[in-house]
Amino acid sequence: MVTTTLNPMDCIFCKIVDGKIPTRIILQSEKSLAFLDAFPLASGHSLVIPKKHYEKVQQMPPDEHSDLFRLVQKVTEKVDAFTNAELIAVHNGKESGQEIPHVHVHIIPRSSKDGAGAVHSMFRNRPNLSDKEFDDILKKIKG
């Protein structure tokens, strides 16, 4: 079931899929589309999106997950061939930094000079968990 706070008619990625906004397409499959990011963080920064509107990864059916990540792999190989380094990132929801509420995977070429740092550098207030807290979290996630 697709639950979203955004009308797909107003979604910039849905407009790209529908051909209403021009983009530089790298590759596409039946269910996914890969293109250069219009506002790149690095040369070669690419996005891979499902053609159907889903706000979060967990809303996608398995066949669309598979299709999306097969295309991510292909595009990553192509970007890596000319940049020799990459970051693959998925922001899954507003609190994680997702700015456009349509599933998208960033493929961003990285270098030691880009100043971005490791993902761990984003978190200043990291938890210090006891073994019991780890076990409780594991139980909750497993159900």
Protein backbone atom coordinates (compact mmCIF):
# COMPACT_ATOMS: atom_id res chain seq x y z
CA MET A 1 0.00 0.00 0.00
CA VAL A 2 1.32 3.44 -0.91
CA THR A 3 0.98 5.99 1.84
CA THR A 4 2.32 9.42 1.15
CA THR A 5 1.99 12.96 2.34
CA LEU A 6 2.68 14.26 -1.17
CA ASN A 7 0.32 14.12 -4.11
CA PRO A 8 2.31 12.30 -6.84
CA MET A 9 1.01 14.96 -9.27
CA ASP A 10 3.18 17.47 -7.34
CA CYS A 11 6.26 15.22 -7.04
CA ILE A 12 9.28 16.40 -9.02
CA PHE A 13 10.48 12.81 -9.55
CA CYS A 14 7.05 11.71 -10.82
CA LYS A 15 7.18 14.65 -13.24
CA ILE A 16 10.60 13.45 -14.43
CA VAL A 17 9.23 9.92 -14.97
CA ASP A 18 6.26 11.38 -16.90
CA GLY A 19 8.60 13.42 -19.11
CA LYS A 20 7.26 16.76 -17.82
CA ILE A 21 10.69 17.80 -16.53
CA PRO A 22 13.72 17.15 -18.75
CA THR A 23 16.59 15.18 -17.26
CA ARG A 24 19.81 13.48 -18.30
CA ILE A 25 18.88 9.80 -18.24
CA ILE A 26 21.70 7.33 -17.66
CA LEU A 27 19.73 4.07 -17.76
CA GLN A 28 16.24 2.83 -17.15
CA SER A 29 14.44 -0.43 -16.63
CA GLU A 30 10.78 -1.31 -16.68
CA LYS A 31 10.27 -0.07 -13.11
CA SER A 32 13.19 2.25 -12.35
CA LEU A 33 14.98 5.29 -13.77
CA ALA A 34 18.56 6.54 -13.28
CA PHE A 35 19.64 10.08 -14.12
CA LEU A 36 22.20 12.74 -13.25
CA ASP A 37 21.30 14.84 -10.21
CA ALA A 38 20.45 18.40 -11.35
CA PHE A 39 22.15 19.80 -8.23
CA PRO A 40 25.18 17.49 -7.86
CA LEU A 41 27.34 17.25 -4.78
CA ALA A 42 30.14 15.90 -7.00
CA SER A 43 30.72 15.33 -10.70
CA GLY A 44 28.76 12.21 -11.66
CA HIS A 45 26.27 12.42 -8.77
CA SER A 46 23.37 10.26 -9.94
CA LEU A 47 19.93 9.28 -8.67
CA VAL A 48 18.02 6.04 -9.13
CA ILE A 49 14.26 6.11 -8.47
CA PRO A 50 11.31 3.79 -8.82
CA LYS A 51 8.97 4.92 -11.60
CA LYS A 52 5.99 4.53 -9.26
CA HIS A 53 5.63 6.91 -6.35
CA TYR A 54 6.63 5.51 -2.96
CA GLU A 55 7.70 7.71 -0.09
CA LYS A 56 9.71 5.05 1.79
CA VAL A 57 11.56 1.91 0.81
CA GLN A 58 9.39 -0.31 3.01
CA GLN A 59 6.30 0.67 0.98
CA MET A 60 7.71 -0.86 -2.21
CA PRO A 61 6.78 -4.38 -3.30
CA PRO A 62 9.68 -6.88 -3.55
CA ASP A 63 9.80 -6.90 -7.36
CA GLU A 64 10.26 -3.12 -7.39
CA HIS A 65 13.00 -3.31 -4.73
CA SER A 66 14.83 -5.85 -6.85
CA ASP A 67 14.48 -3.80 -10.01
CA LEU A 68 15.60 -0.59 -8.27
CA PHE A 69 18.72 -2.11 -6.74
CA ARG A 70 19.69 -3.96 -9.94
CA LEU A 71 19.72 -0.54 -11.61
CA VAL A 72 21.65 0.94 -8.66
CA GLN A 73 24.31 -1.74 -9.20
CA LYS A 74 24.57 -1.02 -12.94
CA VAL A 75 24.80 2.75 -12.47
CA THR A 76 27.30 2.38 -9.62
CA GLU A 77 29.53 0.32 -11.91
CA LYS A 78 29.33 3.02 -14.59
CA VAL A 79 30.00 5.91 -12.17
CA ASP A 80 32.81 3.99 -10.49
CA ALA A 81 34.44 3.32 -13.88
CA PHE A 82 35.18 7.02 -14.35
CA THR A 83 35.44 8.29 -10.76
CA ASN A 84 37.00 5.33 -8.93
CA ALA A 85 35.03 6.07 -5.73
CA GLU A 86 31.42 6.33 -4.68
CA LEU A 87 28.93 6.68 -1.87
CA ILE A 88 25.53 5.01 -2.08
CA ALA A 89 22.96 6.63 0.19
CA VAL A 90 19.26 6.24 0.84
CA HIS A 91 17.49 8.81 2.99
CA ASN A 92 14.34 7.02 4.08
CA GLY A 93 11.97 9.67 5.46
CA LYS A 94 12.14 13.32 6.39
CA GLU A 95 14.03 12.80 9.66
CA SER A 96 16.82 11.02 7.78
CA GLY A 97 17.32 13.99 5.46
CA GLN A 98 15.01 12.93 2.61
CA GLU A 99 14.09 16.22 0.91
CA ILE A 100 11.87 14.81 -1.84
CA PRO A 101 9.34 12.30 -0.48
CA HIS A 102 9.83 9.79 -3.31
CA VAL A 103 12.24 6.88 -2.83
CA HIS A 104 15.59 7.69 -4.36
CA VAL A 105 19.10 6.31 -4.12
CA HIS A 106 22.04 8.69 -4.39
CA ILE A 107 25.24 7.51 -6.07
CA ILE A 108 27.81 10.16 -5.22
CA PRO A 109 31.45 10.04 -6.30
CA ARG A 110 33.69 10.69 -3.30
CA SER A 111 37.28 11.73 -2.83
CA SER A 112 39.48 12.38 0.17
CA LYS A 113 39.37 16.11 -0.70
CA ASP A 114 35.55 16.57 -0.77
CA GLY A 115 35.33 17.46 2.93
CA ALA A 116 32.21 15.37 3.55
CA GLY A 117 33.66 12.87 5.98
CA ALA A 118 32.31 9.48 6.97
CA VAL A 119 28.64 8.86 7.71
CA HIS A 120 29.54 8.49 11.38
CA SER A 121 30.62 12.14 11.45
CA MET A 122 26.97 13.16 11.02
CA PHE A 123 26.03 11.93 14.49
CA ARG A 124 27.27 13.98 17.42
CA ASN A 125 24.96 12.46 20.05
CA ARG A 126 25.58 8.75 19.61
CA PRO A 127 24.11 6.34 22.17
CA ASN A 128 26.29 4.34 24.54
CA LEU A 129 24.24 1.14 24.81
CA SER A 130 24.58 -1.62 27.38
CA ASP A 131 24.33 -5.27 26.40
CA LYS A 132 20.78 -5.34 27.77
CA GLU A 133 19.81 -2.31 25.67
CA PHE A 134 21.28 -3.97 22.56
CA ASP A 135 19.33 -7.14 23.35
CA ASP A 136 16.09 -5.17 23.89
CA ILE A 137 16.52 -3.36 20.57
CA LEU A 138 17.21 -6.65 18.79
CA LYS A 139 14.03 -8.19 20.27
CA LYS A 140 11.94 -5.20 19.17
CA ILE A 141 13.30 -5.25 15.63
CA LYS A 142 12.86 -9.01 15.27
CA GLY A 143 9.31 -8.78 16.61
